[in-house]
């Protein structure tokens, strides 16, 4: 499932995939794979993404059953 929440939060902070990747210490390809739903990040990476994007785990990663 695509993670549009991360993409949206990244865009709201005017960050490119590369800039976000640099902030959390991964490759741009990793950020792209997370946004596309092709990679499940570790909890450590999830927390780093939350910190970089000023969001909570729930805001970025909680799966709502009502969302297709």
N, C-alpha and C. Protein backbone atom coordinates (compact mmCIF):
# COMPACT_ATOMS: atom_id res chain seq x y z
N UNK A 1 0.84 -1.17 0.00
CA UNK A 1 0.00 0.00 0.00
C UNK A 1 0.89 1.25 0.00
N UNK A 2 0.58 2.19 -0.88
CA UNK A 2 1.37 3.42 -0.95
C UNK A 2 1.25 4.20 0.35
N UNK A 3 2.34 4.85 0.73
CA UNK A 3 2.31 5.68 1.93
C UNK A 3 2.27 7.14 1.49
N UNK A 4 1.06 7.59 1.18
CA UNK A 4 0.88 8.97 0.73
C UNK A 4 1.04 9.95 1.88
N UNK A 5 0.93 9.47 3.12
CA UNK A 5 1.10 10.37 4.27
C UNK A 5 2.54 10.87 4.35
N UNK A 6 3.49 9.99 4.11
CA UNK A 6 4.88 10.42 4.14
C UNK A 6 5.16 11.40 3.00
N UNK A 7 4.67 11.07 1.83
CA UNK A 7 4.86 11.95 0.67
C UNK A 7 4.25 13.32 0.94
N UNK A 8 3.05 13.33 1.49
CA UNK A 8 2.36 14.59 1.80
C UNK A 8 3.11 15.39 2.86
N UNK A 9 3.55 14.72 3.92
CA UNK A 9 4.29 15.40 4.99
C UNK A 9 5.61 15.94 4.46
N UNK A 10 6.25 15.18 3.60
CA UNK A 10 7.52 15.62 3.00
C UNK A 10 7.29 16.85 2.14
N UNK A 11 6.24 16.82 1.33
CA UNK A 11 5.92 17.96 0.47
C UNK A 11 5.56 19.19 1.30
N UNK A 12 4.84 18.99 2.40
CA UNK A 12 4.45 20.11 3.25
C UNK A 12 5.65 20.81 3.85
N UNK A 13 6.72 20.07 4.06
CA UNK A 13 7.96 20.66 4.60
C UNK A 13 8.90 21.08 3.47
N UNK A 14 8.42 20.99 2.23
CA UNK A 14 9.17 21.37 1.04
C UNK A 14 10.51 20.64 0.95
N UNK A 15 10.46 19.32 1.21
CA UNK A 15 11.66 18.49 1.14
C UNK A 15 11.59 17.57 -0.07
N UNK A 16 12.70 17.42 -0.75
CA UNK A 16 12.78 16.42 -1.81
C UNK A 16 13.00 15.05 -1.17
N UNK A 17 12.86 14.01 -1.95
CA UNK A 17 13.16 12.68 -1.43
C UNK A 17 14.62 12.61 -0.97
N UNK A 18 15.51 13.22 -1.72
CA UNK A 18 16.93 13.20 -1.36
C UNK A 18 17.18 13.95 -0.06
N UNK A 19 16.55 15.08 0.12
CA UNK A 19 16.73 15.85 1.35
C UNK A 19 16.24 15.08 2.56
N UNK A 20 15.08 14.43 2.44
CA UNK A 20 14.57 13.63 3.54
C UNK A 20 15.49 12.44 3.81
N UNK A 21 15.94 11.81 2.75
CA UNK A 21 16.86 10.68 2.89
C UNK A 21 18.12 11.10 3.64
N UNK A 22 18.66 12.26 3.30
CA UNK A 22 19.86 12.77 3.98
C UNK A 22 19.58 13.02 5.46
N UNK A 23 18.41 13.53 5.78
CA UNK A 23 18.05 13.82 7.17
C UNK A 23 17.98 12.55 8.02
N UNK A 24 17.50 11.45 7.42
CA UNK A 24 17.32 10.22 8.20
C UNK A 24 18.39 9.17 7.95
N UNK A 25 19.34 9.47 7.06
CA UNK A 25 20.47 8.57 6.85
C UNK A 25 20.22 7.35 5.99
N UNK A 26 19.37 7.51 4.97
CA UNK A 26 19.13 6.42 4.03
C UNK A 26 19.27 6.97 2.61
N UNK A 27 19.11 6.09 1.62
CA UNK A 27 19.19 6.53 0.23
C UNK A 27 17.86 7.11 -0.24
N UNK A 28 17.93 7.88 -1.30
CA UNK A 28 16.71 8.42 -1.90
C UNK A 28 15.82 7.28 -2.37
N UNK A 29 16.43 6.20 -2.86
CA UNK A 29 15.68 5.05 -3.33
C UNK A 29 14.86 4.41 -2.20
N UNK A 30 15.40 4.44 -0.98
CA UNK A 30 14.67 3.90 0.17
C UNK A 30 13.42 4.74 0.44
N UNK A 31 13.56 6.05 0.41
CA UNK A 31 12.40 6.93 0.62
C UNK A 31 11.37 6.68 -0.48
N UNK A 32 11.82 6.57 -1.71
CA UNK A 32 10.92 6.29 -2.82
C UNK A 32 10.19 4.97 -2.61
N UNK A 33 10.91 3.94 -2.20
CA UNK A 33 10.30 2.62 -1.98
C UNK A 33 9.28 2.66 -0.85
N UNK A 34 9.56 3.42 0.21
CA UNK A 34 8.61 3.56 1.32
C UNK A 34 7.34 4.25 0.82
N UNK A 35 7.50 5.34 0.07
CA UNK A 35 6.34 6.08 -0.44
C UNK A 35 5.51 5.23 -1.39
N UNK A 36 6.16 4.36 -2.15
CA UNK A 36 5.44 3.49 -3.09
C UNK A 36 4.85 2.26 -2.43
N UNK A 37 5.22 2.03 -1.17
CA UNK A 37 4.72 0.86 -0.46
C UNK A 37 5.49 -0.41 -0.76
N UNK A 38 6.68 -0.27 -1.31
CA UNK A 38 7.50 -1.43 -1.66
C UNK A 38 8.51 -1.81 -0.58
N UNK A 39 8.54 -1.05 0.51
CA UNK A 39 9.52 -1.30 1.57
C UNK A 39 8.90 -0.94 2.90
N UNK A 40 9.01 -1.85 3.86
CA UNK A 40 8.54 -1.58 5.21
C UNK A 40 9.74 -1.18 6.06
N UNK A 41 9.79 0.07 6.48
CA UNK A 41 10.95 0.54 7.25
C UNK A 41 11.00 -0.06 8.65
N UNK A 42 12.19 -0.12 9.19
CA UNK A 42 12.37 -0.56 10.58
C UNK A 42 11.76 0.47 11.51
N UNK A 43 11.54 0.09 12.75
CA UNK A 43 10.97 1.04 13.72
C UNK A 43 11.94 2.21 13.92
N UNK A 44 13.23 1.93 13.86
CA UNK A 44 14.22 3.00 14.00
C UNK A 44 14.08 4.02 12.88
N UNK A 45 13.90 3.54 11.66
CA UNK A 45 13.71 4.44 10.53
C UNK A 45 12.37 5.15 10.62
N UNK A 46 11.34 4.45 11.05
CA UNK A 46 10.02 5.09 11.24
C UNK A 46 10.13 6.27 12.20
N UNK A 47 10.82 6.05 13.31
CA UNK A 47 10.98 7.12 14.30
C UNK A 47 11.79 8.28 13.74
N UNK A 48 12.82 7.98 12.96
CA UNK A 48 13.63 9.04 12.34
C UNK A 48 12.78 9.85 11.35
N UNK A 49 11.94 9.17 10.59
CA UNK A 49 11.05 9.86 9.65
C UNK A 49 10.07 10.75 10.40
N UNK A 50 9.51 10.24 11.49
CA UNK A 50 8.58 11.03 12.30
C UNK A 50 9.25 12.29 12.82
N UNK A 51 10.45 12.14 13.33
CA UNK A 51 11.18 13.28 13.87
C UNK A 51 11.47 14.31 12.77
N UNK A 52 11.94 13.82 11.62
CA UNK A 52 12.29 14.73 10.52
C UNK A 52 11.06 15.46 9.96
N UNK A 53 9.91 14.80 10.02
CA UNK A 53 8.69 15.38 9.44
C UNK A 53 7.76 15.99 10.48
N UNK A 54 8.19 15.98 11.76
CA UNK A 54 7.37 16.53 12.85
C UNK A 54 5.99 15.90 12.91
N UNK A 55 5.97 14.57 12.81
CA UNK A 55 4.72 13.80 12.86
C UNK A 55 4.87 12.68 13.87
N UNK A 56 3.74 12.09 14.27
CA UNK A 56 3.76 10.94 15.17
C UNK A 56 3.73 9.66 14.33
N UNK A 57 4.04 8.54 14.98
CA UNK A 57 3.95 7.25 14.30
C UNK A 57 2.54 7.03 13.76
N UNK A 58 1.55 7.34 14.56
CA UNK A 58 0.16 7.16 14.12
C UNK A 58 -0.15 7.99 12.89
N UNK A 59 0.32 9.23 12.87
CA UNK A 59 0.03 10.11 11.74
C UNK A 59 0.64 9.60 10.44
N UNK A 60 1.80 8.98 10.51
CA UNK A 60 2.47 8.53 9.30
C UNK A 60 2.23 7.06 8.95
N UNK A 61 2.03 6.21 9.95
CA UNK A 61 2.05 4.78 9.66
C UNK A 61 0.80 4.00 10.07
N UNK A 62 -0.11 4.58 10.83
CA UNK A 62 -1.29 3.82 11.25
C UNK A 62 -2.17 3.55 10.05
N UNK A 63 -2.50 2.29 9.85
CA UNK A 63 -3.36 1.93 8.73
C UNK A 63 -4.82 1.99 9.16
N UNK A 64 -5.56 2.84 8.52
CA UNK A 64 -6.99 3.00 8.79
C UNK A 64 -7.75 2.03 7.89
N UNK A 65 -8.60 1.21 8.46
CA UNK A 65 -9.35 0.23 7.68
C UNK A 65 -10.28 0.86 6.67
N UNK A 66 -10.62 2.13 6.86
CA UNK A 66 -11.53 2.80 5.92
C UNK A 66 -10.80 3.31 4.68
N UNK A 67 -9.47 3.38 4.75
CA UNK A 67 -8.70 3.86 3.61
C UNK A 67 -8.46 2.71 2.64
N UNK A 68 -8.81 2.87 1.36
CA UNK A 68 -8.63 1.78 0.38
C UNK A 68 -7.17 1.49 0.11
